[in-house]
Every structure is written in structure tokens, then in C-alpha cells.
């Protein structure tokens, strides 16, 4: 079975690009439950835990995105190879 996380980690991309890709996957995984609940759940429901899951996952993913951008800038402009 194809594993997207393993595919990202084994790619020849810069390490910052890998972190950005993993952060985007994290946002998708954290947003999927609340999106499914909104699409398929009851109309009068109040998914507080799913909202907190999405909020926490989005904050962690934004930090990962920022770290990835800094690493890409570092690798492209400042790293001497």
C-alpha cells in the first residue's frame, strides 16, 4: 500500500519542502473529521472536540509551515555546500 508520508520523506526535495508537505497533510487530517461531521452529521450538533482538534492541528501545522519556509530560505540562500 502506498504511504504518502513515506513518499514525502524519501523524496529528493529540500528538507523545508518536506516539512511543508507534512504540515499540509496534518491540516488535512485534522480538518477531515469536522468536515465529515458538518457534511454527514446532524444539523443541530455541536462538535466542540472536533473544533478543538482542528484548531490545535492547524496551529501546529502553521508552525511547521513557518519552520519549513525558514529551512528552504536557509538551504537556498545561506547554506554553503
PDB file of N, CA and C in Angstrom:
ATOM      1  N   UNK A   1       0.842  -1.181   0.000  1.00  0.00           N
ATOM      2  CA  UNK A   1       0.000   0.000   0.000  1.00  0.00           C
ATOM      3  C   UNK A   1       0.886   1.244   0.000  1.00  0.00           C
ATOM      4  N   UNK A   2       0.502   2.230  -0.746  1.00  0.00           N
ATOM      5  CA  UNK A   2       1.287   3.451  -0.895  1.00  0.00           C
ATOM      6  C   UNK A   2       1.082   4.358   0.315  1.00  0.00           C
ATOM      7  N   UNK A   3       2.172   4.794   0.901  1.00  0.00           N
ATOM      8  CA  UNK A   3       2.136   5.639   2.084  1.00  0.00           C
ATOM      9  C   UNK A   3       2.634   7.027   1.700  1.00  0.00           C
ATOM     10  N   UNK A   4       1.773   8.054   1.733  1.00  0.00           N
ATOM     11  CA  UNK A   4       2.203   9.391   1.312  1.00  0.00           C
ATOM     12  C   UNK A   4       3.262  10.004   2.227  1.00  0.00           C
ATOM     13  N   UNK A   5       3.249   9.674   3.504  1.00  0.00           N
ATOM     14  CA  UNK A   5       4.245  10.230   4.417  1.00  0.00           C
ATOM     15  C   UNK A   5       5.628   9.670   4.082  1.00  0.00           C
ATOM     16  N   UNK A   6       5.699   8.373   3.853  1.00  0.00           N
ATOM     17  CA  UNK A   6       6.968   7.758   3.467  1.00  0.00           C
ATOM     18  C   UNK A   6       7.446   8.292   2.116  1.00  0.00           C
ATOM     19  N   UNK A   7       6.516   8.537   1.204  1.00  0.00           N
ATOM     20  CA  UNK A   7       6.886   9.079  -0.102  1.00  0.00           C
ATOM     21  C   UNK A   7       7.480  10.475   0.020  1.00  0.00           C
ATOM     22  N   UNK A   8       6.920  11.284   0.906  1.00  0.00           N
ATOM     23  CA  UNK A   8       7.459  12.632   1.123  1.00  0.00           C
ATOM     24  C   UNK A   8       8.838  12.556   1.760  1.00  0.00           C
ATOM     25  N   UNK A   9       8.986  11.724   2.763  1.00  0.00           N
ATOM     26  CA  UNK A   9      10.258  11.652   3.471  1.00  0.00           C
ATOM     27  C   UNK A   9      11.383  11.072   2.613  1.00  0.00           C
ATOM     28  N   UNK A  10      11.065  10.213   1.672  1.00  0.00           N
ATOM     29  CA  UNK A  10      12.084   9.609   0.816  1.00  0.00           C
ATOM     30  C   UNK A  10      12.349  10.390  -0.465  1.00  0.00           C
ATOM     31  N   UNK A  11      11.660  11.479  -0.695  1.00  0.00           N
ATOM     32  CA  UNK A  11      11.848  12.246  -1.925  1.00  0.00           C
ATOM     33  C   UNK A  11      13.176  13.007  -1.891  1.00  0.00           C
ATOM     34  N   UNK A  12      13.584  13.500  -3.041  1.00  0.00           N
ATOM     35  CA  UNK A  12      14.837  14.245  -3.148  1.00  0.00           C
ATOM     36  C   UNK A  12      14.642  15.750  -2.963  1.00  0.00           C
ATOM     37  N   UNK A  13      13.569  16.150  -2.363  1.00  0.00           N
ATOM     38  CA  UNK A  13      13.279  17.568  -2.158  1.00  0.00           C
ATOM     39  C   UNK A  13      14.109  18.118  -1.004  1.00  0.00           C
ATOM     40  N   UNK A  14      14.115  19.435  -0.908  1.00  0.00           N
ATOM     41  CA  UNK A  14      14.756  20.082   0.234  1.00  0.00           C
ATOM     42  C   UNK A  14      14.019  19.710   1.516  1.00  0.00           C
ATOM     43  N   UNK A  15      14.733  19.755   2.645  1.00  0.00           N
ATOM     44  CA  UNK A  15      14.104  19.362   3.907  1.00  0.00           C
ATOM     45  C   UNK A  15      12.971  20.306   4.295  1.00  0.00           C
ATOM     46  N   UNK A  16      13.058  21.571   3.917  1.00  0.00           N
ATOM     47  CA  UNK A  16      11.973  22.509   4.208  1.00  0.00           C
ATOM     48  C   UNK A  16      10.711  22.181   3.435  1.00  0.00           C
ATOM     49  N   UNK A  17      10.877  21.751   2.192  1.00  0.00           N
ATOM     50  CA  UNK A  17       9.720  21.359   1.380  1.00  0.00           C
ATOM     51  C   UNK A  17       9.049  20.126   1.979  1.00  0.00           C
ATOM     52  N   UNK A  18       9.844  19.221   2.492  1.00  0.00           N
ATOM     53  CA  UNK A  18       9.284  18.030   3.135  1.00  0.00           C
ATOM     54  C   UNK A  18       8.462  18.408   4.362  1.00  0.00           C
ATOM     55  N   UNK A  19       8.969  19.335   5.161  1.00  0.00           N
ATOM     56  CA  UNK A  19       8.243  19.766   6.360  1.00  0.00           C
ATOM     57  C   UNK A  19       6.953  20.478   5.976  1.00  0.00           C
ATOM     58  N   UNK A  20       6.999  21.282   4.928  1.00  0.00           N
ATOM     59  CA  UNK A  20       5.792  21.967   4.463  1.00  0.00           C
ATOM     60  C   UNK A  20       4.754  20.956   3.990  1.00  0.00           C
ATOM     61  N   UNK A  21       5.184  19.950   3.243  1.00  0.00           N
ATOM     62  CA  UNK A  21       4.254  18.929   2.766  1.00  0.00           C
ATOM     63  C   UNK A  21       3.637  18.156   3.929  1.00  0.00           C
ATOM     64  N   UNK A  22       4.438  17.814   4.925  1.00  0.00           N
ATOM     65  CA  UNK A  22       3.904  17.109   6.095  1.00  0.00           C
ATOM     66  C   UNK A  22       2.943  17.995   6.888  1.00  0.00           C
ATOM     67  N   UNK A  23       3.213  19.291   6.940  1.00  0.00           N
ATOM     68  CA  UNK A  23       2.311  20.214   7.627  1.00  0.00           C
ATOM     69  C   UNK A  23       0.972  20.309   6.910  1.00  0.00           C
ATOM     70  N   UNK A  24       1.004  20.322   5.596  1.00  0.00           N
ATOM     71  CA  UNK A  24      -0.249  20.355   4.843  1.00  0.00           C
ATOM     72  C   UNK A  24      -1.042  19.064   5.025  1.00  0.00           C
ATOM     73  N   UNK A  25      -0.344  17.938   5.120  1.00  0.00           N
ATOM     74  CA  UNK A  25      -1.031  16.671   5.406  1.00  0.00           C
ATOM     75  C   UNK A  25      -1.663  16.697   6.794  1.00  0.00           C
ATOM     76  N   UNK A  26      -0.970  17.299   7.755  1.00  0.00           N
ATOM     77  CA  UNK A  26      -1.506  17.403   9.113  1.00  0.00           C
ATOM     78  C   UNK A  26      -2.789  18.230   9.138  1.00  0.00           C
ATOM     79  N   UNK A  27      -2.824  19.327   8.394  1.00  0.00           N
ATOM     80  CA  UNK A  27      -4.036  20.146   8.334  1.00  0.00           C
ATOM     81  C   UNK A  27      -5.186  19.340   7.734  1.00  0.00           C
ATOM     82  N   UNK A  28      -4.905  18.587   6.692  1.00  0.00           N
ATOM     83  CA  UNK A  28      -5.947  17.779   6.066  1.00  0.00           C
ATOM     84  C   UNK A  28      -6.483  16.722   7.026  1.00  0.00           C
ATOM     85  N   UNK A  29      -5.581  16.060   7.740  1.00  0.00           N
ATOM     86  CA  UNK A  29      -6.006  15.017   8.680  1.00  0.00           C
ATOM     87  C   UNK A  29      -6.814  15.613   9.834  1.00  0.00           C
ATOM     88  N   UNK A  30      -6.441  16.787  10.298  1.00  0.00           N
ATOM     89  CA  UNK A  30      -7.157  17.411  11.417  1.00  0.00           C
ATOM     90  C   UNK A  30      -8.472  18.058  10.984  1.00  0.00           C
ATOM     91  N   UNK A  31      -8.564  18.466   9.733  1.00  0.00           N
ATOM     92  CA  UNK A  31      -9.794  19.101   9.255  1.00  0.00           C
ATOM     93  C   UNK A  31     -10.818  18.091   8.760  1.00  0.00           C
ATOM     94  N   UNK A  32     -10.379  16.910   8.371  1.00  0.00           N
ATOM     95  CA  UNK A  32     -11.293  15.918   7.794  1.00  0.00           C
ATOM     96  C   UNK A  32     -12.434  15.514   8.738  1.00  0.00           C
ATOM     97  N   UNK A  33     -12.190  15.253  10.025  1.00  0.00           N
ATOM     98  CA  UNK A  33     -13.317  14.846  10.883  1.00  0.00           C
ATOM     99  C   UNK A  33     -14.407  15.909  11.008  1.00  0.00           C
ATOM    100  N   UNK A  34     -14.027  17.159  11.157  1.00  0.00           N
ATOM    101  CA  UNK A  34     -15.062  18.187  11.303  1.00  0.00           C
ATOM    102  C   UNK A  34     -15.772  18.445   9.973  1.00  0.00           C
ATOM    103  N   UNK A  35     -15.050  18.305   8.861  1.00  0.00           N
ATOM    104  CA  UNK A  35     -15.712  18.459   7.559  1.00  0.00           C
ATOM    105  C   UNK A  35     -16.714  17.330   7.328  1.00  0.00           C
ATOM    106  N   UNK A  36     -16.344  16.107   7.692  1.00  0.00           N
ATOM    107  CA  UNK A  36     -17.275  14.985   7.557  1.00  0.00           C
ATOM    108  C   UNK A  36     -18.467  15.134   8.490  1.00  0.00           C
ATOM    109  N   UNK A  37     -18.220  15.631   9.691  1.00  0.00           N
ATOM    110  CA  UNK A  37     -19.324  15.833  10.634  1.00  0.00           C
ATOM    111  C   UNK A  37     -20.295  16.884  10.108  1.00  0.00           C
ATOM    112  N   UNK A  38     -19.755  17.948   9.537  1.00  0.00           N
ATOM    113  CA  UNK A  38     -20.621  19.002   9.001  1.00  0.00           C
ATOM    114  C   UNK A  38     -21.412  18.482   7.800  1.00  0.00           C
ATOM    115  N   UNK A  39     -20.765  17.665   6.967  1.00  0.00           N
ATOM    116  CA  UNK A  39     -21.434  17.174   5.763  1.00  0.00           C
ATOM    117  C   UNK A  39     -22.439  16.062   6.076  1.00  0.00           C
ATOM    118  N   UNK A  40     -22.123  15.184   7.022  1.00  0.00           N
ATOM    119  CA  UNK A  40     -22.944  13.997   7.231  1.00  0.00           C
ATOM    120  C   UNK A  40     -23.635  13.938   8.589  1.00  0.00           C
ATOM    121  N   UNK A  41     -23.246  14.784   9.519  1.00  0.00           N
ATOM    122  CA  UNK A  41     -23.788  14.712  10.875  1.00  0.00           C
ATOM    123  C   UNK A  41     -25.119  15.422  11.010  1.00  0.00           C
ATOM    124  N   UNK A  42     -25.631  15.435  12.226  1.00  0.00           N
ATOM    125  CA  UNK A  42     -26.905  16.114  12.465  1.00  0.00           C
ATOM    126  C   UNK A  42     -26.766  17.632  12.323  1.00  0.00           C
ATOM    127  N   UNK A  43     -27.886  18.258  11.949  1.00  0.00           N
ATOM    128  CA  UNK A  43     -27.860  19.702  11.721  1.00  0.00           C
ATOM    129  C   UNK A  43     -27.759  20.502  13.010  1.00  0.00           C
ATOM    130  N   UNK A  44     -28.209  19.965  14.100  1.00  0.00           N
ATOM    131  CA  UNK A  44     -28.192  20.698  15.363  1.00  0.00           C
ATOM    132  C   UNK A  44     -27.037  20.270  16.268  1.00  0.00           C
ATOM    133  N   UNK A  45     -26.057  19.575  15.724  1.00  0.00           N
ATOM    134  CA  UNK A  45     -24.924  19.104  16.525  1.00  0.00           C
ATOM    135  C   UNK A  45     -23.950  20.219  16.843  1.00  0.00           C
ATOM    136  N   UNK A  46     -23.131  19.976  17.858  1.00  0.00           N
ATOM    137  CA  UNK A  46     -22.139  20.949  18.278  1.00  0.00           C
ATOM    138  C   UNK A  46     -20.824  20.210  18.548  1.00  0.00           C
ATOM    139  N   UNK A  47     -19.997  20.010  17.506  1.00  0.00           N
ATOM    140  CA  UNK A  47     -18.783  19.195  17.669  1.00  0.00           C
ATOM    141  C   UNK A  47     -17.625  19.992  18.275  1.00  0.00           C
ATOM    142  N   UNK A  48     -17.677  20.205  19.571  1.00  0.00           N
ATOM    143  CA  UNK A  48     -16.656  21.018  20.241  1.00  0.00           C
ATOM    144  C   UNK A  48     -15.290  20.345  20.175  1.00  0.00           C
ATOM    145  N   UNK A  49     -15.226  19.057  20.447  1.00  0.00           N
ATOM    146  CA  UNK A  49     -13.948  18.350  20.428  1.00  0.00           C
ATOM    147  C   UNK A  49     -13.332  18.352  19.023  1.00  0.00           C
ATOM    148  N   UNK A  50     -14.159  18.190  18.009  1.00  0.00           N
ATOM    149  CA  UNK A  50     -13.644  18.230  16.638  1.00  0.00           C
ATOM    150  C   UNK A  50     -13.129  19.626  16.276  1.00  0.00           C
ATOM    151  N   UNK A  51     -13.782  20.633  16.800  1.00  0.00           N
ATOM    152  CA  UNK A  51     -13.301  22.000  16.580  1.00  0.00           C
ATOM    153  C   UNK A  51     -11.953  22.242  17.237  1.00  0.00           C
ATOM    154  N   UNK A  52     -11.793  21.730  18.458  1.00  0.00           N
ATOM    155  CA  UNK A  52     -10.506  21.865  19.142  1.00  0.00           C
ATOM    156  C   UNK A  52      -9.413  21.067  18.440  1.00  0.00           C
ATOM    157  N   UNK A  53      -9.755  19.887  17.921  1.00  0.00           N
ATOM    158  CA  UNK A  53      -8.796  19.087  17.165  1.00  0.00           C
ATOM    159  C   UNK A  53      -8.315  19.849  15.929  1.00  0.00           C
ATOM    160  N   UNK A  54      -9.249  20.442  15.212  1.00  0.00           N
ATOM    161  CA  UNK A  54      -8.881  21.204  14.029  1.00  0.00           C
ATOM    162  C   UNK A  54      -8.042  22.432  14.402  1.00  0.00           C
ATOM    163  N   UNK A  55      -8.422  23.131  15.451  1.00  0.00           N
ATOM    164  CA  UNK A  55      -7.685  24.330  15.857  1.00  0.00           C
ATOM    165  C   UNK A  55      -6.256  23.986  16.288  1.00  0.00           C
ATOM    166  N   UNK A  56      -6.101  22.951  17.084  1.00  0.00           N
ATOM    167  CA  UNK A  56      -4.762  22.561  17.534  1.00  0.00           C
ATOM    168  C   UNK A  56      -3.917  22.062  16.367  1.00  0.00           C
ATOM    169  N   UNK A  57      -4.504  21.254  15.500  1.00  0.00           N
ATOM    170  CA  UNK A  57      -3.769  20.762  14.337  1.00  0.00           C
ATOM    171  C   UNK A  57      -3.371  21.878  13.390  1.00  0.00           C
ATOM    172  N   UNK A  58      -4.244  22.848  13.222  1.00  0.00           N
ATOM    173  CA  UNK A  58      -3.926  23.976  12.346  1.00  0.00           C
ATOM    174  C   UNK A  58      -2.801  24.826  12.937  1.00  0.00           C
ATOM    175  N   UNK A  59      -2.795  25.014  14.253  1.00  0.00           N
ATOM    176  CA  UNK A  59      -1.712  25.794  14.862  1.00  0.00           C
ATOM    177  C   UNK A  59      -0.369  25.084  14.723  1.00  0.00           C
ATOM    178  N   UNK A  60      -0.345  23.781  14.970  1.00  0.00           N
ATOM    179  CA  UNK A  60       0.901  23.020  14.832  1.00  0.00           C
ATOM    180  C   UNK A  60       1.359  23.024  13.377  1.00  0.00           C
ATOM    181  N   UNK A  61       0.424  22.887  12.453  1.00  0.00           N
ATOM    182  CA  UNK A  61       0.777  22.879  11.034  1.00  0.00           C
ATOM    183  C   UNK A  61       1.301  24.245  10.579  1.00  0.00           C
ATOM    184  N   UNK A  62       0.759  25.313  11.107  1.00  0.00           N
ATOM    185  CA  UNK A  62       1.276  26.650  10.757  1.00  0.00           C
ATOM    186  C   UNK A  62       2.702  26.827  11.269  1.00  0.00           C
ATOM    187  N   UNK A  63       2.978  26.328  12.449  1.00  0.00           N
ATOM    188  CA  UNK A  63       4.354  26.388  12.961  1.00  0.00           C
ATOM    189  C   UNK A  63       5.275  25.565  12.068  1.00  0.00           C
ATOM    190  N   UNK A  64       4.827  24.383  11.667  1.00  0.00           N
ATOM    191  CA  UNK A  64       5.618  23.566  10.750  1.00  0.00           C
ATOM    192  C   UNK A  64       5.826  24.242   9.409  1.00  0.00           C
ATOM    193  N   UNK A  65       4.814  24.923   8.909  1.00  0.00           N
ATOM    194  CA  UNK A  65       4.943  25.643   7.645  1.00  0.00           C
ATOM    195  C   UNK A  65       5.981  26.754   7.770  1.00  0.00           C
ATOM    196  N   UNK A  66       5.949  27.493   8.879  1.00  0.00           N
ATOM    197  CA  UNK A  66       6.915  28.563   9.101  1.00  0.00           C
ATOM    198  C   UNK A  66       8.334  28.005   9.191  1.00  0.00           C
ATOM    199  N   UNK A  67       8.509  26.911   9.920  1.00  0.00           N
ATOM    200  CA  UNK A  67       9.826  26.279  10.022  1.00  0.00           C
ATOM    201  C   UNK A  67      10.292  25.804   8.650  1.00  0.00           C
ATOM    202  N   UNK A  68       9.380  25.237   7.871  1.00  0.00           N
ATOM    203  CA  UNK A  68       9.734  24.781   6.534  1.00  0.00           C
ATOM    204  C   UNK A  68      10.166  25.920   5.630  1.00  0.00           C
ATOM    205  N   UNK A  69       9.477  27.044   5.689  1.00  0.00           N
ATOM    206  CA  UNK A  69       9.859  28.210   4.875  1.00  0.00           C
ATOM    207  C   UNK A  69      11.236  28.715   5.293  1.00  0.00           C
ATOM    208  N   UNK A  70      11.490  28.777   6.599  1.00  0.00           N
ATOM    209  CA  UNK A  70      12.805  29.227   7.078  1.00  0.00           C
ATOM    210  C   UNK A  70      13.897  28.267   6.601  1.00  0.00           C
ATOM    211  N   UNK A  71      13.645  26.968   6.651  1.00  0.00           N
ATOM    212  CA  UNK A  71      14.644  25.999   6.194  1.00  0.00           C
ATOM    213  C   UNK A  71      14.880  26.084   4.688  1.00  0.00           C
ATOM    214  N   UNK A  72      13.836  26.327   3.918  1.00  0.00           N
ATOM    215  CA  UNK A  72      14.018  26.477   2.476  1.00  0.00           C
ATOM    216  C   UNK A  72      14.870  27.704   2.184  1.00  0.00           C
ATOM    217  N   UNK A  73      14.581  28.808   2.845  1.00  0.00           N
ATOM    218  CA  UNK A  73      15.371  30.023   2.643  1.00  0.00           C
ATOM    219  C   UNK A  73      16.811  29.782   3.068  1.00  0.00           C
ATOM    220  N   UNK A  74      17.012  29.106   4.181  1.00  0.00           N
ATOM    221  CA  UNK A  74      18.362  28.810   4.668  1.00  0.00           C
ATOM    222  C   UNK A  74      19.125  27.936   3.662  1.00  0.00           C
ATOM    223  N   UNK A  75      18.480  26.871   3.196  1.00  0.00           N
ATOM    224  CA  UNK A  75      19.140  25.947   2.280  1.00  0.00           C
ATOM    225  C   UNK A  75      19.447  26.584   0.927  1.00  0.00           C
ATOM    226  N   UNK A  76      18.583  27.441   0.460  1.00  0.00           N
ATOM    227  CA  UNK A  76      18.770  28.013  -0.874  1.00  0.00           C
ATOM    228  C   UNK A  76      19.770  29.173  -0.843  1.00  0.00           C
ATOM    229  N   UNK A  77      19.703  30.024   0.155  1.00  0.00           N
ATOM    230  CA  UNK A  77      20.493  31.249   0.132  1.00  0.00           C
ATOM    231  C   UNK A  77      21.729  31.241   1.021  1.00  0.00           C
ATOM    232  N   UNK A  78      21.692  30.544   2.141  1.00  0.00           N
ATOM    233  CA  UNK A  78      22.778  30.694   3.118  1.00  0.00           C
ATOM    234  C   UNK A  78      23.654  29.456   3.300  1.00  0.00           C
ATOM    235  N   UNK A  79      23.152  28.278   2.989  1.00  0.00           N
ATOM    236  CA  UNK A  79      23.919  27.057   3.216  1.00  0.00           C
ATOM    237  C   UNK A  79      25.007  26.934   2.154  1.00  0.00           C
ATOM    238  N   UNK A  80      26.207  26.697   2.600  1.00  0.00           N
ATOM    239  CA  UNK A  80      27.345  26.518   1.695  1.00  0.00           C
ATOM    240  C   UNK A  80      27.584  25.026   1.500  1.00  0.00           C
ATOM    241  N   UNK A  81      27.393  24.568   0.283  1.00  0.00           N
ATOM    242  CA  UNK A  81      27.578  23.134   0.018  1.00  0.00           C
ATOM    243  C   UNK A  81      28.740  22.921  -0.901  1.00  0.00           C
TER     244      UNK A  81
END
